[in-house]
């Protein structure tokens, strides 16, 4: 099942952890476990929303390949970047239009979702 919404957001400063993964070698649960274990060390949290962000290289979607790598982030918004816990990094999210996709299914059905 796939649905999406278009959101207009303001720029955000996020702090989190990231890894380079592929759909074929997806270790997202390990990333989120590590993030959730250490997120109490983050100061100046703004709100309680958590962000799962994928940053794809140019041409990633030209031909679907489950072995292509992309950045996978687990993050939270902060007021500022003072006192970043060791191992965490800053991600600046530009304001603008974003599509938020909700996909439920197994990774084998992912190609159809990404084509959409």
Protein backbone atom coordinates (compact mmCIF):
# COMPACT_ATOMS: atom_id res chain seq x y z
CA UNK A 1 0.00 0.00 0.00
CA UNK A 2 1.34 3.43 -0.96
CA UNK A 3 0.04 6.89 -0.14
CA UNK A 4 1.64 10.30 -0.04
CA UNK A 5 1.10 13.90 1.00
CA UNK A 6 2.77 17.11 -0.15
CA UNK A 7 4.03 19.32 2.68
CA UNK A 8 5.51 22.82 2.69
CA UNK A 9 8.05 23.06 5.48
CA UNK A 10 10.40 25.70 6.84
CA UNK A 11 14.11 24.98 6.94
CA UNK A 12 15.16 22.79 9.85
CA UNK A 13 18.36 21.93 11.66
CA UNK A 14 18.50 18.26 12.54
CA UNK A 15 20.92 16.18 14.59
CA UNK A 16 21.15 12.49 14.06
CA UNK A 17 22.95 9.43 12.86
CA UNK A 18 23.29 8.24 9.31
CA UNK A 19 24.56 5.30 7.34
CA UNK A 20 25.01 4.42 3.70
CA UNK A 21 22.74 1.52 2.75
CA UNK A 22 20.89 0.02 -0.17
CA UNK A 23 17.41 -1.45 -0.35
CA UNK A 24 19.02 -4.84 -0.85
CA UNK A 25 21.17 -4.40 2.27
CA UNK A 26 18.84 -2.46 4.53
CA UNK A 27 20.01 -1.98 8.12
CA UNK A 28 17.54 0.77 9.04
CA UNK A 29 16.46 -0.96 12.25
CA UNK A 30 20.05 -0.95 13.56
CA UNK A 31 20.34 2.77 12.78
CA UNK A 32 17.14 3.60 14.62
CA UNK A 33 18.05 1.39 17.58
CA UNK A 34 21.36 3.24 17.91
CA UNK A 35 19.67 6.62 17.56
CA UNK A 36 16.91 5.90 20.09
CA UNK A 37 19.45 4.55 22.59
CA UNK A 38 21.47 7.81 22.53
CA UNK A 39 18.89 10.50 21.65
CA UNK A 40 18.56 11.59 25.31
CA UNK A 41 22.09 13.03 24.97
CA UNK A 42 20.87 15.62 22.45
CA UNK A 43 20.34 19.13 23.85
CA UNK A 44 18.01 21.84 22.58
CA UNK A 45 15.44 19.50 21.02
CA UNK A 46 12.67 21.34 19.18
CA UNK A 47 9.43 19.35 19.22
CA UNK A 48 9.14 15.59 19.43
CA UNK A 49 8.99 14.59 15.76
CA UNK A 50 11.55 12.11 14.54
CA UNK A 51 12.81 12.27 10.96
CA UNK A 52 13.67 9.33 8.73
CA UNK A 53 15.41 10.86 5.71
CA UNK A 54 16.83 9.22 2.60
CA UNK A 55 19.25 11.22 0.46
CA UNK A 56 19.63 9.71 -2.98
CA UNK A 57 22.46 10.42 -5.43
CA UNK A 58 21.68 11.95 -8.83
CA UNK A 59 20.09 9.51 -11.29
CA UNK A 60 19.24 7.05 -8.52
CA UNK A 61 15.72 6.54 -9.83
CA UNK A 62 16.57 6.31 -13.53
CA UNK A 63 16.69 2.52 -13.38
CA UNK A 64 15.67 0.79 -10.20
CA UNK A 65 18.44 -1.31 -8.71
CA UNK A 66 18.10 -2.55 -5.11
CA UNK A 67 21.90 -2.58 -4.72
CA UNK A 68 22.39 1.17 -5.33
CA UNK A 69 23.50 3.03 -2.19
CA UNK A 70 21.96 6.09 -0.54
CA UNK A 71 22.21 7.95 2.78
CA UNK A 72 19.74 6.93 5.47
CA UNK A 73 19.23 9.28 8.44
CA UNK A 74 17.57 8.98 11.83
CA UNK A 75 17.27 12.50 13.25
CA UNK A 76 15.45 15.02 15.40
CA UNK A 77 15.05 18.79 15.03
CA UNK A 78 17.06 21.07 17.35
CA UNK A 79 17.11 24.77 18.16
CA UNK A 80 20.88 25.00 17.60
CA UNK A 81 23.94 22.80 17.16
CA UNK A 82 25.69 23.48 20.45
CA UNK A 83 27.04 20.44 22.32
CA UNK A 84 26.48 17.78 19.67
CA UNK A 85 26.92 14.33 21.25
CA UNK A 86 29.86 12.30 20.00
CA UNK A 87 29.01 10.31 16.90
CA UNK A 88 26.03 12.50 15.95
CA UNK A 89 26.03 14.80 12.93
CA UNK A 90 24.14 17.87 11.76
CA UNK A 91 21.83 17.83 8.75
CA UNK A 92 20.36 21.09 7.45
CA UNK A 93 17.04 20.49 5.74
CA UNK A 94 16.12 23.27 3.32
CA UNK A 95 12.61 24.64 3.41
CA UNK A 96 10.24 24.01 0.51
CA UNK A 97 7.89 21.40 -0.89
CA UNK A 98 8.38 17.82 0.20
CA UNK A 99 6.52 14.64 -0.63
CA UNK A 100 6.03 12.30 2.32
CA UNK A 101 5.41 8.70 1.23
CA UNK A 102 3.86 6.02 3.39
CA UNK A 103 4.66 2.58 2.04
CA UNK A 104 3.60 -0.69 3.62
CA UNK A 105 4.88 -3.88 2.12
CA UNK A 106 8.02 -5.91 1.73
CA UNK A 107 11.18 -4.68 0.03
CA UNK A 108 10.42 -6.74 -3.07
CA UNK A 109 7.47 -4.44 -3.73
CA UNK A 110 9.69 -1.37 -3.30
CA UNK A 111 10.43 -0.95 -7.01
CA UNK A 112 6.78 -0.27 -7.73
CA UNK A 113 6.64 2.30 -4.91
CA UNK A 114 9.80 4.07 -6.08
CA UNK A 115 8.52 4.16 -9.67
CA UNK A 116 5.41 5.93 -8.40
